[in-house]
PDB file of N, CA and C in Angstrom:
ATOM      1  N   UNK A   1      68.308 124.345  37.982  1.00  0.00           N
ATOM      2  CA  UNK A   1      68.760 125.466  37.230  1.00  0.00           C
ATOM      3  C   UNK A   1      70.116 125.140  36.641  1.00  0.00           C
ATOM      4  N   UNK A   2      70.194 125.277  35.401  1.00  0.00           N
ATOM      5  CA  UNK A   2      71.454 124.945  34.780  1.00  0.00           C
ATOM      6  C   UNK A   2      72.218 126.233  34.511  1.00  0.00           C
ATOM      7  N   UNK A   3      73.418 126.190  34.846  1.00  0.00           N
ATOM      8  CA  UNK A   3      74.230 127.385  34.593  1.00  0.00           C
ATOM      9  C   UNK A   3      75.078 127.133  33.364  1.00  0.00           C
ATOM     10  N   UNK A   4      74.947 128.001  32.473  1.00  0.00           N
ATOM     11  CA  UNK A   4      75.747 127.872  31.263  1.00  0.00           C
ATOM     12  C   UNK A   4      76.998 128.728  31.438  1.00  0.00           C
ATOM     13  N   UNK A   5      78.100 128.230  31.013  1.00  0.00           N
ATOM     14  CA  UNK A   5      79.321 129.011  31.171  1.00  0.00           C
ATOM     15  C   UNK A   5      79.271 130.257  30.280  1.00  0.00           C
ATOM     16  N   UNK A   6      79.686 131.335  30.857  1.00  0.00           N
ATOM     17  CA  UNK A   6      79.712 132.593  30.108  1.00  0.00           C
ATOM     18  C   UNK A   6      80.930 132.596  29.201  1.00  0.00           C
ATOM     19  N   UNK A   7      80.716 133.039  28.007  1.00  0.00           N
ATOM     20  CA  UNK A   7      81.881 133.114  27.127  1.00  0.00           C
ATOM     21  C   UNK A   7      82.809 134.242  27.607  1.00  0.00           C
ATOM     22  N   UNK A   8      84.050 133.961  27.643  1.00  0.00           N
ATOM     23  CA  UNK A   8      85.016 134.978  28.065  1.00  0.00           C
ATOM     24  C   UNK A   8      85.354 135.873  26.876  1.00  0.00           C
ATOM     25  N   UNK A   9      85.426 137.117  27.146  1.00  0.00           N
ATOM     26  CA  UNK A   9      85.761 138.067  26.099  1.00  0.00           C
ATOM     27  C   UNK A   9      87.244 138.365  26.155  1.00  0.00           C
ATOM     28  N   UNK A  10      87.770 138.613  24.995  1.00  0.00           N
ATOM     29  CA  UNK A  10      89.167 139.018  24.974  1.00  0.00           C
ATOM     30  C   UNK A  10      89.216 140.487  25.402  1.00  0.00           C
ATOM     31  N   UNK A  11      90.206 140.841  26.198  1.00  0.00           N
ATOM     32  CA  UNK A  11      90.261 142.235  26.661  1.00  0.00           C
ATOM     33  C   UNK A  11      90.504 143.178  25.484  1.00  0.00           C
ATOM     34  N   UNK A  12      89.652 144.153  25.373  1.00  0.00           N
ATOM     35  CA  UNK A  12      89.788 145.157  24.317  1.00  0.00           C
ATOM     36  C   UNK A  12      90.620 146.313  24.853  1.00  0.00           C
ATOM     37  N   UNK A  13      91.403 146.888  24.029  1.00  0.00           N
ATOM     38  CA  UNK A  13      92.135 148.067  24.495  1.00  0.00           C
ATOM     39  C   UNK A  13      91.145 149.179  24.828  1.00  0.00           C
ATOM     40  N   UNK A  14      91.495 149.955  25.839  1.00  0.00           N
ATOM     41  CA  UNK A  14      90.603 151.021  26.261  1.00  0.00           C
ATOM     42  C   UNK A  14      90.441 152.067  25.164  1.00  0.00           C
ATOM     43  N   UNK A  15      91.512 152.373  24.498  1.00  0.00           N
ATOM     44  CA  UNK A  15      91.465 153.351  23.414  1.00  0.00           C
ATOM     45  C   UNK A  15      92.157 152.762  22.192  1.00  0.00           C
ATOM     46  N   UNK A  16      91.400 152.347  21.216  1.00  0.00           N
ATOM     47  CA  UNK A  16      92.037 151.743  20.047  1.00  0.00           C
ATOM     48  C   UNK A  16      92.863 152.735  19.240  1.00  0.00           C
ATOM     49  N   UNK A  17      92.585 154.028  19.353  1.00  0.00           N
ATOM     50  CA  UNK A  17      93.336 155.012  18.584  1.00  0.00           C
ATOM     51  C   UNK A  17      94.552 155.535  19.336  1.00  0.00           C
ATOM     52  N   UNK A  18      94.931 154.927  20.429  1.00  0.00           N
ATOM     53  CA  UNK A  18      96.005 155.485  21.246  1.00  0.00           C
ATOM     54  C   UNK A  18      97.327 155.583  20.465  1.00  0.00           C
ATOM     55  N   UNK A  19      97.629 154.631  19.603  1.00  0.00           N
ATOM     56  CA  UNK A  19      98.858 154.703  18.816  1.00  0.00           C
ATOM     57  C   UNK A  19      98.772 155.858  17.815  1.00  0.00           C
ATOM     58  N   UNK A  20      97.620 156.019  17.201  1.00  0.00           N
ATOM     59  CA  UNK A  20      97.444 157.116  16.242  1.00  0.00           C
ATOM     60  C   UNK A  20      97.493 158.462  16.965  1.00  0.00           C
ATOM     61  N   UNK A  21      96.909 158.514  18.159  1.00  0.00           N
ATOM     62  CA  UNK A  21      96.928 159.756  18.923  1.00  0.00           C
ATOM     63  C   UNK A  21      98.343 160.095  19.358  1.00  0.00           C
ATOM     64  N   UNK A  22      99.135 159.088  19.694  1.00  0.00           N
ATOM     65  CA  UNK A  22     100.517 159.329  20.094  1.00  0.00           C
ATOM     66  C   UNK A  22     101.320 159.892  18.926  1.00  0.00           C
ATOM     67  N   UNK A  23     101.102 159.343  17.733  1.00  0.00           N
ATOM     68  CA  UNK A  23     101.800 159.868  16.561  1.00  0.00           C
ATOM     69  C   UNK A  23     101.386 161.303  16.272  1.00  0.00           C
ATOM     70  N   UNK A  24     100.089 161.589  16.401  1.00  0.00           N
ATOM     71  CA  UNK A  24      99.602 162.945  16.139  1.00  0.00           C
ATOM     72  C   UNK A  24     100.167 163.916  17.172  1.00  0.00           C
ATOM     73  N   UNK A  25     100.274 163.469  18.412  1.00  0.00           N
ATOM     74  CA  UNK A  25     100.812 164.322  19.464  1.00  0.00           C
ATOM     75  C   UNK A  25     102.285 164.636  19.203  1.00  0.00           C
ATOM     76  N   UNK A  26     103.037 163.633  18.780  1.00  0.00           N
ATOM     77  CA  UNK A  26     104.447 163.861  18.447  1.00  0.00           C
ATOM     78  C   UNK A  26     104.579 164.812  17.272  1.00  0.00           C
ATOM     79  N   UNK A  27     103.701 164.655  16.301  1.00  0.00           N
ATOM     80  CA  UNK A  27     103.731 165.518  15.121  1.00  0.00           C
ATOM     81  C   UNK A  27     103.418 166.958  15.519  1.00  0.00           C
ATOM     82  N   UNK A  28     102.413 167.149  16.396  1.00  0.00           N
ATOM     83  CA  UNK A  28     102.077 168.501  16.840  1.00  0.00           C
ATOM     84  C   UNK A  28     103.227 169.126  17.609  1.00  0.00           C
ATOM     85  N   UNK A  29     103.879 168.331  18.450  1.00  0.00           N
ATOM     86  CA  UNK A  29     105.022 168.838  19.199  1.00  0.00           C
ATOM     87  C   UNK A  29     106.161 169.253  18.285  1.00  0.00           C
ATOM     88  N   UNK A  30     106.392 168.451  17.253  1.00  0.00           N
ATOM     89  CA  UNK A  30     107.440 168.779  16.294  1.00  0.00           C
ATOM     90  C   UNK A  30     107.122 170.072  15.565  1.00  0.00           C
ATOM     91  N   UNK A  31     105.874 170.223  15.116  1.00  0.00           N
ATOM     92  CA  UNK A  31     105.501 171.431  14.394  1.00  0.00           C
ATOM     93  C   UNK A  31     105.543 172.658  15.297  1.00  0.00           C
ATOM     94  N   UNK A  32     105.182 172.485  16.549  1.00  0.00           N
ATOM     95  CA  UNK A  32     105.257 173.596  17.496  1.00  0.00           C
ATOM     96  C   UNK A  32     106.707 174.015  17.711  1.00  0.00           C
ATOM     97  N   UNK A  33     107.596 173.053  17.877  1.00  0.00           N
ATOM     98  CA  UNK A  33     109.013 173.364  18.053  1.00  0.00           C
ATOM     99  C   UNK A  33     109.591 173.999  16.791  1.00  0.00           C
ATOM    100  N   UNK A  34     109.157 173.527  15.637  1.00  0.00           N
ATOM    101  CA  UNK A  34     109.617 174.090  14.380  1.00  0.00           C
ATOM    102  C   UNK A  34     109.184 175.553  14.253  1.00  0.00           C
ATOM    103  N   UNK A  35     107.951 175.847  14.628  1.00  0.00           N
ATOM    104  CA  UNK A  35     107.455 177.221  14.570  1.00  0.00           C
ATOM    105  C   UNK A  35     108.176 178.131  15.543  1.00  0.00           C
ATOM    106  N   UNK A  36     108.388 177.642  16.771  1.00  0.00           N
ATOM    107  CA  UNK A  36     109.085 178.457  17.777  1.00  0.00           C
ATOM    108  C   UNK A  36     110.532 178.703  17.360  1.00  0.00           C
ATOM    109  N   UNK A  37     111.164 177.704  16.780  1.00  0.00           N
ATOM    110  CA  UNK A  37     112.536 177.874  16.302  1.00  0.00           C
ATOM    111  C   UNK A  37     112.611 178.880  15.161  1.00  0.00           C
ATOM    112  N   UNK A  38     111.618 178.856  14.292  1.00  0.00           N
ATOM    113  CA  UNK A  38     111.577 179.805  13.188  1.00  0.00           C
ATOM    114  C   UNK A  38     111.418 181.237  13.679  1.00  0.00           C
ATOM    115  N   UNK A  39     110.594 181.418  14.687  1.00  0.00           N
ATOM    116  CA  UNK A  39     110.411 182.762  15.258  1.00  0.00           C
ATOM    117  C   UNK A  39     111.705 183.241  15.894  1.00  0.00           C
ATOM    118  N   UNK A  40     112.378 182.360  16.607  1.00  0.00           N
ATOM    119  CA  UNK A  40     113.648 182.734  17.225  1.00  0.00           C
ATOM    120  C   UNK A  40     114.702 183.084  16.189  1.00  0.00           C
ATOM    121  N   UNK A  41     114.762 182.312  15.131  1.00  0.00           N
ATOM    122  CA  UNK A  41     115.736 182.589  14.068  1.00  0.00           C
ATOM    123  C   UNK A  41     115.434 183.917  13.387  1.00  0.00           C
ATOM    124  N   UNK A  42     114.158 184.218  13.190  1.00  0.00           N
ATOM    125  CA  UNK A  42     113.786 185.494  12.571  1.00  0.00           C
ATOM    126  C   UNK A  42     114.171 186.665  13.464  1.00  0.00           C
ATOM    127  N   UNK A  43     114.007 186.502  14.776  1.00  0.00           N
ATOM    128  CA  UNK A  43     114.372 187.571  15.704  1.00  0.00           C
ATOM    129  C   UNK A  43     115.878 187.816  15.684  1.00  0.00           C
ATOM    130  N   UNK A  44     116.642 186.750  15.650  1.00  0.00           N
ATOM    131  CA  UNK A  44     118.103 186.892  15.611  1.00  0.00           C
ATOM    132  C   UNK A  44     118.535 187.527  14.291  1.00  0.00           C
ATOM    133  N   UNK A  45     117.912 187.108  13.205  1.00  0.00           N
ATOM    134  CA  UNK A  45     118.263 187.680  11.902  1.00  0.00           C
ATOM    135  C   UNK A  45     117.915 189.162  11.843  1.00  0.00           C
ATOM    136  N   UNK A  46     116.773 189.534  12.382  1.00  0.00           N
ATOM    137  CA  UNK A  46     116.387 190.952  12.373  1.00  0.00           C
ATOM    138  C   UNK A  46     117.349 191.781  13.207  1.00  0.00           C
ATOM    139  N   UNK A  47     117.794 191.229  14.313  1.00  0.00           N
ATOM    140  CA  UNK A  47     118.726 191.964  15.163  1.00  0.00           C
ATOM    141  C   UNK A  47     120.077 192.124  14.464  1.00  0.00           C
ATOM    142  N   UNK A  48     120.512 191.094  13.764  1.00  0.00           N
ATOM    143  CA  UNK A  48     121.802 191.187  13.094  1.00  0.00           C
ATOM    144  C   UNK A  48     121.749 192.145  11.908  1.00  0.00           C
ATOM    145  N   UNK A  49     120.578 192.337  11.312  1.00  0.00           N
ATOM    146  CA  UNK A  49     120.449 193.274  10.198  1.00  0.00           C
ATOM    147  C   UNK A  49     120.589 194.719  10.663  1.00  0.00           C
ATOM    148  N   UNK A  50     120.134 195.011  11.868  1.00  0.00           N
ATOM    149  CA  UNK A  50     120.219 196.380  12.369  1.00  0.00           C
ATOM    150  C   UNK A  50     121.632 196.703  12.813  1.00  0.00           C
ATOM    151  N   UNK A  51     122.398 195.722  13.211  1.00  0.00           N
ATOM    152  CA  UNK A  51     123.788 195.933  13.577  1.00  0.00           C
ATOM    153  C   UNK A  51     124.019 196.265  15.034  1.00  0.00           C
ATOM    154  N   UNK A  52     122.973 196.568  15.780  1.00  0.00           N
ATOM    155  CA  UNK A  52     123.181 196.876  17.186  1.00  0.00           C
ATOM    156  C   UNK A  52     121.924 196.545  17.977  1.00  0.00           C
ATOM    157  N   UNK A  53     122.117 196.466  19.255  1.00  0.00           N
ATOM    158  CA  UNK A  53     120.993 196.202  20.144  1.00  0.00           C
ATOM    159  C   UNK A  53     120.224 197.502  20.354  1.00  0.00           C
ATOM    160  N   UNK A  54     118.945 197.426  20.687  1.00  0.00           N
ATOM    161  CA  UNK A  54     118.182 198.642  20.936  1.00  0.00           C
ATOM    162  C   UNK A  54     118.761 199.418  22.119  1.00  0.00           C
ATOM    163  N   UNK A  55     118.747 200.730  21.987  1.00  0.00           N
ATOM    164  CA  UNK A  55     119.303 201.589  23.021  1.00  0.00           C
ATOM    165  C   UNK A  55     118.179 202.006  23.963  1.00  0.00           C
ATOM    166  N   UNK A  56     118.463 201.942  25.252  1.00  0.00           N
ATOM    167  CA  UNK A  56     117.480 202.344  26.243  1.00  0.00           C
ATOM    168  C   UNK A  56     117.342 203.866  26.252  1.00  0.00           C
ATOM    169  N   UNK A  57     116.161 204.337  26.603  1.00  0.00           N
ATOM    170  CA  UNK A  57     115.921 205.773  26.669  1.00  0.00           C
ATOM    171  C   UNK A  57     116.735 206.366  27.812  1.00  0.00           C
ATOM    172  N   UNK A  58     117.305 207.557  27.612  1.00  0.00           N
ATOM    173  CA  UNK A  58     118.084 208.170  28.681  1.00  0.00           C
ATOM    174  C   UNK A  58     117.193 208.526  29.872  1.00  0.00           C
ATOM    175  N   UNK A  59     117.759 208.398  31.045  1.00  0.00           N
ATOM    176  CA  UNK A  59     117.014 208.676  32.267  1.00  0.00           C
ATOM    177  C   UNK A  59     117.103 210.157  32.576  1.00  0.00           C
ATOM    178  N   UNK A  60     115.956 210.781  32.837  1.00  0.00           N
ATOM    179  CA  UNK A  60     115.913 212.195  33.192  1.00  0.00           C
ATOM    180  C   UNK A  60     116.377 212.345  34.644  1.00  0.00           C
ATOM    181  N   UNK A  61     117.444 213.085  34.926  1.00  0.00           N
ATOM    182  CA  UNK A  61     117.934 213.199  36.295  1.00  0.00           C
ATOM    183  C   UNK A  61     116.932 213.881  37.228  1.00  0.00           C
ATOM    184  N   UNK A  62     116.118 214.804  36.701  1.00  0.00           N
ATOM    185  CA  UNK A  62     115.123 215.453  37.550  1.00  0.00           C
ATOM    186  C   UNK A  62     114.024 214.486  37.969  1.00  0.00           C
ATOM    187  N   UNK A  63     113.666 213.566  37.081  1.00  0.00           N
ATOM    188  CA  UNK A  63     112.635 212.594  37.416  1.00  0.00           C
ATOM    189  C   UNK A  63     113.133 211.640  38.494  1.00  0.00           C
ATOM    190  N   UNK A  64     114.412 211.338  38.471  1.00  0.00           N
ATOM    191  CA  UNK A  64     114.968 210.424  39.470  1.00  0.00           C
ATOM    192  C   UNK A  64     115.048 211.086  40.842  1.00  0.00           C
ATOM    193  N   UNK A  65     115.144 212.429  40.882  1.00  0.00           N
ATOM    194  CA  UNK A  65     115.252 213.111  42.171  1.00  0.00           C
ATOM    195  C   UNK A  65     113.925 213.165  42.897  1.00  0.00           C
ATOM    196  N   UNK A  66     112.808 212.931  42.199  1.00  0.00           N
ATOM    197  CA  UNK A  66     111.511 212.885  42.844  1.00  0.00           C
ATOM    198  C   UNK A  66     110.885 214.249  43.065  1.00  0.00           C
ATOM    199  N   UNK A  67     111.272 215.260  42.287  1.00  0.00           N
ATOM    200  CA  UNK A  67     110.713 216.588  42.471  1.00  0.00           C
ATOM    201  C   UNK A  67     109.250 216.647  42.033  1.00  0.00           C
ATOM    202  N   UNK A  68     108.870 215.818  41.097  1.00  0.00           N
ATOM    203  CA  UNK A  68     107.476 215.761  40.700  1.00  0.00           C
ATOM    204  C   UNK A  68     107.077 216.826  39.711  1.00  0.00           C
ATOM    205  N   UNK A  69     105.819 217.265  39.801  1.00  0.00           N
ATOM    206  CA  UNK A  69     105.213 218.202  38.840  1.00  0.00           C
ATOM    207  C   UNK A  69     105.788 219.594  38.998  1.00  0.00           C
ATOM    208  N   UNK A  70     106.092 220.213  37.846  1.00  0.00           N
ATOM    209  CA  UNK A  70     106.588 221.597  37.851  1.00  0.00           C
ATOM    210  C   UNK A  70     105.826 222.405  36.823  1.00  0.00           C
ATOM    211  N   UNK A  71     105.496 223.632  37.158  1.00  0.00           N
ATOM    212  CA  UNK A  71     104.826 224.526  36.219  1.00  0.00           C
ATOM    213  C   UNK A  71     105.908 225.261  35.454  1.00  0.00           C
ATOM    214  N   UNK A  72     106.024 224.916  34.173  1.00  0.00           N
ATOM    215  CA  UNK A  72     107.025 225.544  33.312  1.00  0.00           C
ATOM    216  C   UNK A  72     106.329 226.510  32.373  1.00  0.00           C
ATOM    217  N   UNK A  73     107.101 227.187  31.534  1.00  0.00           N
ATOM    218  CA  UNK A  73     106.543 228.175  30.611  1.00  0.00           C
ATOM    219  C   UNK A  73     105.496 227.572  29.682  1.00  0.00           C
ATOM    220  N   UNK A  74     105.787 226.398  29.127  1.00  0.00           N
ATOM    221  CA  UNK A  74     104.817 225.817  28.201  1.00  0.00           C
ATOM    222  C   UNK A  74     103.549 225.389  28.913  1.00  0.00           C
ATOM    223  N   UNK A  75     103.628 225.029  30.184  1.00  0.00           N
ATOM    224  CA  UNK A  75     102.439 224.680  30.954  1.00  0.00           C
ATOM    225  C   UNK A  75     101.620 225.944  31.228  1.00  0.00           C
ATOM    226  N   UNK A  76     102.281 227.032  31.554  1.00  0.00           N
ATOM    227  CA  UNK A  76     101.575 228.306  31.788  1.00  0.00           C
ATOM    228  C   UNK A  76     100.840 228.774  30.522  1.00  0.00           C
ATOM    229  N   UNK A  77     101.511 228.611  29.372  1.00  0.00           N
ATOM    230  CA  UNK A  77     100.857 228.979  28.111  1.00  0.00           C
ATOM    231  C   UNK A  77      99.621 228.132  27.861  1.00  0.00           C
ATOM    232  N   UNK A  78      99.702 226.858  28.180  1.00  0.00           N
ATOM    233  CA  UNK A  78      98.534 225.993  28.006  1.00  0.00           C
ATOM    234  C   UNK A  78      97.407 226.437  28.917  1.00  0.00           C
ATOM    235  N   UNK A  79      97.711 226.736  30.152  1.00  0.00           N
ATOM    236  CA  UNK A  79      96.685 227.208  31.082  1.00  0.00           C
ATOM    237  C   UNK A  79      96.019 228.490  30.575  1.00  0.00           C
ATOM    238  N   UNK A  80      96.806 229.367  29.950  1.00  0.00           N
ATOM    239  CA  UNK A  80      96.246 230.605  29.396  1.00  0.00           C
ATOM    240  C   UNK A  80      95.273 230.314  28.246  1.00  0.00           C
ATOM    241  N   UNK A  81      95.563 229.293  27.460  1.00  0.00           N
ATOM    242  CA  UNK A  81      94.672 228.970  26.341  1.00  0.00           C
ATOM    243  C   UNK A  81      93.362 228.342  26.811  1.00  0.00           C
ATOM    244  N   UNK A  82      93.337 227.766  27.991  1.00  0.00           N
ATOM    245  CA  UNK A  82      92.121 227.123  28.474  1.00  0.00           C
ATOM    246  C   UNK A  82      91.220 228.080  29.250  1.00  0.00           C
ATOM    247  N   UNK A  83      91.635 229.340  29.477  1.00  0.00           N
ATOM    248  CA  UNK A  83      90.838 230.283  30.254  1.00  0.00           C
ATOM    249  C   UNK A  83      89.787 231.014  29.419  1.00  0.00           C
ATOM    250  N   UNK A  84      89.499 230.608  28.236  1.00  0.00           N
ATOM    251  CA  UNK A  84      88.552 231.333  27.383  1.00  0.00           C
ATOM    252  C   UNK A  84      87.151 231.235  27.843  1.00  0.00           C
TER     253      UNK A  84
END
């Protein structure tokens, strides 16, 4: 039995497009950062146009005391309208 020598193959890269994929990935990252920066700049510009920061709603002191539900005049009137 004669054994013939096997031709050796040159090692092929596992992914021939890896350089192209790396460039595309960098490009996507750049565009993502550009978009996020644009959104941030727009938010800052919108805030500066209004001249002040948004004001928080005032806290109701009765709600903080935990008294809960109360039947007031307008609630009684509503109950009267539903008794038909």
